[in-house]
Amino acid sequence: MNLRLILLIVGIIFSVLDVIVFIRRLITPVIALIWLMFSGVAILFAIMPFWERWIRMVNPMIPLPLVVLILLVLIGLFWTSIGVSKLIDRNRELSMQVGLLNQENERIISILREMGKDI
């Protein structure tokens, strides 16, 4: 299979997946932008004619199992970045909850001090 075709297909698939995952809010905007830039670079490598000589030089040296392995690693990195995004969102939500609990705790302490009870 032609390396340019593989790069084009990988770029399109990752850009579509990135947009779908971003719309469903499973990934943070920064990580989504990084994957979109990766997809754009892959598509540019496949489309631009000045990479033709380099691709011809590299193409015979890359066996198919290596291409499959690289694709599996990229898919694993993509799903890992989705997990990291979920953890970032969860951490942000927990931080807000802790802030609200601290604020409520301070309010309760001030009410108790006004009532004359020392803590």
N, C-alpha and C. Protein backbone atom coordinates (compact mmCIF):
# COMPACT_ATOMS: atom_id res chain seq x y z
N MET A 1 0.85 -1.18 0.00
CA MET A 1 0.00 0.00 0.00
C MET A 1 0.90 1.24 0.00
N ASN A 2 0.45 2.25 -0.65
CA ASN A 2 1.22 3.48 -0.79
C ASN A 2 1.24 4.26 0.53
N LEU A 3 2.41 4.76 0.89
CA LEU A 3 2.57 5.50 2.14
C LEU A 3 1.76 6.80 2.13
N ARG A 4 1.67 7.44 0.98
CA ARG A 4 0.89 8.68 0.88
C ARG A 4 -0.59 8.41 1.15
N LEU A 5 -1.08 7.30 0.63
CA LEU A 5 -2.48 6.94 0.85
C LEU A 5 -2.73 6.63 2.33
N ILE A 6 -1.79 5.93 2.95
CA ILE A 6 -1.93 5.61 4.37
C ILE A 6 -1.93 6.89 5.19
N LEU A 7 -1.03 7.82 4.90
CA LEU A 7 -0.99 9.09 5.64
C LEU A 7 -2.29 9.87 5.45
N LEU A 8 -2.80 9.89 4.25
CA LEU A 8 -4.05 10.60 3.98
C LEU A 8 -5.21 9.99 4.76
N ILE A 9 -5.31 8.67 4.73
CA ILE A 9 -6.40 7.99 5.43
C ILE A 9 -6.28 8.20 6.95
N VAL A 10 -5.05 8.07 7.47
CA VAL A 10 -4.84 8.26 8.91
C VAL A 10 -5.18 9.70 9.31
N GLY A 11 -4.76 10.66 8.51
CA GLY A 11 -5.06 12.06 8.82
C GLY A 11 -6.55 12.34 8.82
N ILE A 12 -7.25 11.82 7.85
CA ILE A 12 -8.70 12.05 7.77
C ILE A 12 -9.41 11.35 8.93
N ILE A 13 -9.03 10.10 9.21
CA ILE A 13 -9.69 9.35 10.28
C ILE A 13 -9.47 10.04 11.63
N PHE A 14 -8.23 10.44 11.91
CA PHE A 14 -7.96 11.08 13.20
C PHE A 14 -8.62 12.45 13.30
N SER A 15 -8.72 13.18 12.21
CA SER A 15 -9.40 14.48 12.30
C SER A 15 -10.91 14.30 12.53
N VAL A 16 -11.51 13.32 11.88
CA VAL A 16 -12.94 13.06 12.10
C VAL A 16 -13.18 12.57 13.53
N LEU A 17 -12.35 11.63 13.99
CA LEU A 17 -12.48 11.14 15.37
C LEU A 17 -12.30 12.27 16.38
N ASP A 18 -11.34 13.13 16.10
CA ASP A 18 -11.06 14.24 17.00
C ASP A 18 -12.26 15.17 17.11
N VAL A 19 -12.86 15.49 16.00
CA VAL A 19 -14.03 16.38 16.01
C VAL A 19 -15.21 15.72 16.72
N ILE A 20 -15.43 14.43 16.46
CA ILE A 20 -16.54 13.72 17.11
C ILE A 20 -16.34 13.67 18.62
N VAL A 21 -15.13 13.34 19.04
CA VAL A 21 -14.85 13.23 20.47
C VAL A 21 -14.92 14.61 21.13
N PHE A 22 -14.48 15.65 20.43
CA PHE A 22 -14.55 17.01 20.99
C PHE A 22 -15.99 17.47 21.11
N ILE A 23 -16.83 17.16 20.14
CA ILE A 23 -18.24 17.56 20.19
C ILE A 23 -18.93 16.88 21.37
N ARG A 24 -18.57 15.62 21.63
CA ARG A 24 -19.16 14.90 22.77
C ARG A 24 -18.53 15.30 24.11
N ARG A 25 -17.61 16.23 24.07
CA ARG A 25 -16.92 16.75 25.26
C ARG A 25 -16.17 15.67 26.03
N LEU A 26 -15.58 14.74 25.30
CA LEU A 26 -14.77 13.71 25.94
C LEU A 26 -13.30 14.09 25.98
N ILE A 27 -12.96 15.20 25.35
CA ILE A 27 -11.56 15.60 25.25
C ILE A 27 -11.48 17.12 25.45
N THR A 28 -10.42 17.56 26.09
CA THR A 28 -10.27 19.00 26.34
C THR A 28 -9.89 19.71 25.04
N PRO A 29 -10.18 20.99 24.95
CA PRO A 29 -9.87 21.72 23.71
C PRO A 29 -8.39 21.72 23.33
N VAL A 30 -7.51 21.79 24.31
CA VAL A 30 -6.08 21.82 24.00
C VAL A 30 -5.63 20.49 23.40
N ILE A 31 -6.05 19.40 24.00
CA ILE A 31 -5.66 18.08 23.48
C ILE A 31 -6.32 17.84 22.12
N ALA A 32 -7.56 18.31 21.95
CA ALA A 32 -8.22 18.18 20.65
C ALA A 32 -7.47 18.96 19.58
N LEU A 33 -6.98 20.14 19.93
CA LEU A 33 -6.21 20.94 18.98
C LEU A 33 -4.90 20.25 18.59
N ILE A 34 -4.25 19.63 19.56
CA ILE A 34 -3.01 18.91 19.27
C ILE A 34 -3.27 17.76 18.29
N TRP A 35 -4.33 16.99 18.52
CA TRP A 35 -4.65 15.89 17.60
C TRP A 35 -5.08 16.41 16.23
N LEU A 36 -5.75 17.54 16.20
CA LEU A 36 -6.15 18.12 14.92
C LEU A 36 -4.92 18.60 14.14
N MET A 37 -3.95 19.16 14.86
CA MET A 37 -2.70 19.57 14.19
C MET A 37 -1.95 18.35 13.66
N PHE A 38 -1.92 17.27 14.44
CA PHE A 38 -1.28 16.04 13.97
C PHE A 38 -1.96 15.53 12.70
N SER A 39 -3.29 15.56 12.70
CA SER A 39 -4.03 15.11 11.52
C SER A 39 -3.73 16.01 10.31
N GLY A 40 -3.66 17.31 10.55
CA GLY A 40 -3.35 18.23 9.47
C GLY A 40 -1.97 18.00 8.89
N VAL A 41 -1.00 17.73 9.76
CA VAL A 41 0.37 17.46 9.28
C VAL A 41 0.39 16.17 8.47
N ALA A 42 -0.32 15.15 8.93
CA ALA A 42 -0.37 13.89 8.17
C ALA A 42 -1.00 14.10 6.80
N ILE A 43 -2.06 14.89 6.75
CA ILE A 43 -2.71 15.16 5.46
C ILE A 43 -1.79 15.99 4.56
N LEU A 44 -1.09 16.97 5.14
CA LEU A 44 -0.16 17.77 4.35
C LEU A 44 0.98 16.91 3.79
N PHE A 45 1.51 16.01 4.60
CA PHE A 45 2.55 15.11 4.11
C PHE A 45 2.04 14.26 2.95
N ALA A 46 0.76 13.89 3.01
CA ALA A 46 0.21 13.05 1.95
C ALA A 46 -0.11 13.84 0.69
N ILE A 47 -0.49 15.09 0.82
CA ILE A 47 -0.96 15.87 -0.33
C ILE A 47 0.16 16.63 -1.04
N MET A 48 1.05 17.23 -0.27
CA MET A 48 2.06 18.12 -0.87
C MET A 48 3.03 17.35 -1.77
N PRO A 49 3.28 17.87 -2.96
CA PRO A 49 4.12 17.15 -3.91
C PRO A 49 5.62 17.18 -3.57
N PHE A 50 6.07 18.17 -2.80
CA PHE A 50 7.51 18.25 -2.54
C PHE A 50 7.99 17.18 -1.57
N TRP A 51 7.09 16.44 -0.94
CA TRP A 51 7.48 15.32 -0.07
C TRP A 51 7.59 14.02 -0.86
N GLU A 52 7.27 14.07 -2.14
CA GLU A 52 7.22 12.86 -2.96
C GLU A 52 8.57 12.12 -2.97
N ARG A 53 9.65 12.85 -3.12
CA ARG A 53 10.97 12.21 -3.18
C ARG A 53 11.30 11.54 -1.85
N TRP A 54 11.01 12.23 -0.75
CA TRP A 54 11.28 11.67 0.57
C TRP A 54 10.42 10.43 0.81
N ILE A 55 9.15 10.50 0.42
CA ILE A 55 8.24 9.37 0.62
C ILE A 55 8.68 8.18 -0.22
N ARG A 56 9.13 8.42 -1.45
CA ARG A 56 9.63 7.32 -2.28
C ARG A 56 10.87 6.69 -1.67
N MET A 57 11.70 7.52 -1.05
CA MET A 57 12.92 7.00 -0.44
C MET A 57 12.60 6.16 0.80
N VAL A 58 11.61 6.57 1.60
CA VAL A 58 11.28 5.89 2.84
C VAL A 58 10.34 4.72 2.62
N ASN A 59 9.48 4.81 1.63
CA ASN A 59 8.43 3.83 1.42
C ASN A 59 8.92 2.39 1.33
N PRO A 60 9.97 2.06 0.58
CA PRO A 60 10.38 0.65 0.53
C PRO A 60 10.96 0.13 1.84
N MET A 61 11.40 1.03 2.70
CA MET A 61 12.03 0.60 3.94
C MET A 61 11.03 0.30 5.05
N ILE A 62 9.77 0.71 4.89
CA ILE A 62 8.78 0.55 5.95
C ILE A 62 7.92 -0.69 5.65
N PRO A 63 8.09 -1.75 6.42
CA PRO A 63 7.25 -2.93 6.21
C PRO A 63 5.85 -2.73 6.77
N LEU A 64 4.92 -3.51 6.28
CA LEU A 64 3.52 -3.38 6.68
C LEU A 64 3.29 -3.62 8.17
N PRO A 65 3.95 -4.61 8.80
CA PRO A 65 3.73 -4.77 10.25
C PRO A 65 4.14 -3.54 11.07
N LEU A 66 5.17 -2.83 10.61
CA LEU A 66 5.59 -1.62 11.31
C LEU A 66 4.52 -0.53 11.17
N VAL A 67 3.92 -0.42 10.01
CA VAL A 67 2.85 0.56 9.80
C VAL A 67 1.66 0.23 10.70
N VAL A 68 1.32 -1.04 10.79
CA VAL A 68 0.21 -1.46 11.66
C VAL A 68 0.54 -1.17 13.12
N LEU A 69 1.76 -1.44 13.52
CA LEU A 69 2.18 -1.17 14.90
C LEU A 69 2.11 0.32 15.21
N ILE A 70 2.56 1.15 14.29
CA ILE A 70 2.50 2.60 14.49
C ILE A 70 1.05 3.07 14.59
N LEU A 71 0.18 2.51 13.76
CA LEU A 71 -1.25 2.88 13.83
C LEU A 71 -1.86 2.46 15.16
N LEU A 72 -1.50 1.27 15.65
CA LEU A 72 -2.02 0.82 16.95
C LEU A 72 -1.51 1.70 18.09
N VAL A 73 -0.27 2.13 18.01
CA VAL A 73 0.27 3.04 19.02
C VAL A 73 -0.46 4.38 18.98
N LEU A 74 -0.72 4.88 17.78
CA LEU A 74 -1.44 6.15 17.66
C LEU A 74 -2.86 6.04 18.21
N ILE A 75 -3.52 4.94 17.94
CA ILE A 75 -4.87 4.73 18.47
C ILE A 75 -4.83 4.65 19.99
N GLY A 76 -3.82 3.95 20.52
CA GLY A 76 -3.67 3.87 21.97
C GLY A 76 -3.41 5.23 22.59
N LEU A 77 -2.59 6.04 21.95
CA LEU A 77 -2.33 7.40 22.44
C LEU A 77 -3.59 8.26 22.40
N PHE A 78 -4.38 8.07 21.36
CA PHE A 78 -5.63 8.83 21.24
C PHE A 78 -6.58 8.49 22.39
N TRP A 79 -6.77 7.20 22.65
CA TRP A 79 -7.67 6.80 23.73
C TRP A 79 -7.11 7.18 25.09
N THR A 80 -5.78 7.16 25.23
CA THR A 80 -5.17 7.62 26.47
C THR A 80 -5.41 9.11 26.68
N SER A 81 -5.33 9.89 25.61
CA SER A 81 -5.58 11.32 25.75
C SER A 81 -7.04 11.59 26.11
N ILE A 82 -7.95 10.74 25.67
CA ILE A 82 -9.36 10.88 26.09
C ILE A 82 -9.47 10.63 27.59
N GLY A 83 -8.77 9.60 28.08
CA GLY A 83 -8.77 9.32 29.52
C GLY A 83 -8.17 10.45 30.33
N VAL A 84 -7.08 11.02 29.84
CA VAL A 84 -6.45 12.15 30.52
C VAL A 84 -7.39 13.35 30.54
N SER A 85 -8.09 13.58 29.45
CA SER A 85 -9.04 14.70 29.40
C SER A 85 -10.17 14.51 30.41
N LYS A 86 -10.66 13.28 30.54
CA LYS A 86 -11.70 13.02 31.53
C LYS A 86 -11.18 13.29 32.94
N LEU A 87 -9.93 12.87 33.20
CA LEU A 87 -9.36 13.11 34.53
C LEU A 87 -9.15 14.60 34.79
N ILE A 88 -8.77 15.35 33.77
CA ILE A 88 -8.60 16.79 33.93
C ILE A 88 -9.94 17.45 34.27
N ASP A 89 -10.99 17.05 33.55
CA ASP A 89 -12.31 17.61 33.83
C ASP A 89 -12.79 17.24 35.23
N ARG A 90 -12.56 15.99 35.60
CA ARG A 90 -12.96 15.53 36.93
C ARG A 90 -12.21 16.30 38.02
N ASN A 91 -10.92 16.52 37.81
CA ASN A 91 -10.10 17.26 38.76
C ASN A 91 -10.61 18.70 38.90
N ARG A 92 -10.96 19.32 37.78
CA ARG A 92 -11.49 20.68 37.81
C ARG A 92 -12.81 20.73 38.59
N GLU A 93 -13.67 19.75 38.36
CA GLU A 93 -14.95 19.70 39.06
C GLU A 93 -14.75 19.50 40.56
N LEU A 94 -13.85 18.60 40.93
CA LEU A 94 -13.59 18.36 42.36
C LEU A 94 -12.97 19.59 43.02
N SER A 95 -12.13 20.32 42.29
CA SER A 95 -11.54 21.55 42.85
C SER A 95 -12.62 22.58 43.15
N MET A 96 -13.59 22.71 42.26
CA MET A 96 -14.68 23.65 42.50
C MET A 96 -15.51 23.22 43.70
N GLN A 97 -15.75 21.92 43.83
CA GLN A 97 -16.52 21.43 44.97
C GLN A 97 -15.79 21.67 46.29
N VAL A 98 -14.48 21.46 46.30
CA VAL A 98 -13.69 21.71 47.50
C VAL A 98 -13.73 23.20 47.84
N GLY A 99 -13.64 24.06 46.85
CA GLY A 99 -13.74 25.50 47.08
C GLY A 99 -15.08 25.88 47.69
N LEU A 100 -16.16 25.30 47.17
CA LEU A 100 -17.49 25.60 47.72
C LEU A 100 -17.62 25.07 49.15
N LEU A 101 -17.07 23.88 49.42
CA LEU A 101 -17.12 23.35 50.77
C LEU A 101 -16.31 24.20 51.75
N ASN A 102 -15.17 24.68 51.31
CA ASN A 102 -14.37 25.57 52.16
C ASN A 102 -15.12 26.86 52.46
N GLN A 103 -15.78 27.40 51.45
CA GLN A 103 -16.55 28.63 51.63
C GLN A 103 -17.70 28.40 52.61
N GLU A 104 -18.39 27.27 52.48
CA GLU A 104 -19.48 26.96 53.39
C GLU A 104 -18.95 26.73 54.81
N ASN A 105 -17.80 26.09 54.92
CA ASN A 105 -17.18 25.86 56.22
C ASN A 105 -16.84 27.18 56.91
N GLU A 106 -16.29 28.12 56.16
CA GLU A 106 -15.98 29.44 56.72
C GLU A 106 -17.24 30.16 57.17
N ARG A 107 -18.30 30.02 56.41
CA ARG A 107 -19.58 30.66 56.76
C ARG A 107 -20.12 30.06 58.05
N ILE A 108 -20.06 28.75 58.20
CA ILE A 108 -20.55 28.08 59.41
C ILE A 108 -19.71 28.49 60.62
N ILE A 109 -18.38 28.57 60.44
CA ILE A 109 -17.50 28.98 61.53
C ILE A 109 -17.82 30.41 61.97
N SER A 110 -18.06 31.30 61.00
CA SER A 110 -18.38 32.69 61.37
C SER A 110 -19.72 32.77 62.10
N ILE A 111 -20.70 31.95 61.72
CA ILE A 111 -22.00 31.94 62.42
C ILE A 111 -21.82 31.43 63.84
N LEU A 112 -21.01 30.39 64.01
CA LEU A 112 -20.78 29.85 65.35
C LEU A 112 -20.03 30.86 66.22
N ARG A 113 -19.10 31.59 65.65
CA ARG A 113 -18.39 32.60 66.43
C ARG A 113 -19.31 33.75 66.84
N GLU A 114 -20.25 34.10 65.96
CA GLU A 114 -21.21 35.14 66.31
C GLU A 114 -22.12 34.68 67.45
N MET A 115 -22.40 33.40 67.50
CA MET A 115 -23.25 32.87 68.55
C MET A 115 -22.50 32.77 69.88
N GLY A 116 -21.20 33.01 69.85
CA GLY A 116 -20.43 33.03 71.08
C GLY A 116 -19.73 31.72 71.40
N LYS A 117 -19.83 30.77 70.52
CA LYS A 117 -19.17 29.50 70.77
C LYS A 117 -17.83 29.53 70.06
N ASP A 118 -16.81 29.24 70.79
CA ASP A 118 -15.47 29.22 70.22
C ASP A 118 -15.13 27.82 69.75
N ILE A 119 -14.49 27.79 68.63
CA ILE A 119 -14.09 26.48 68.07
C ILE A 119 -12.60 26.31 68.26
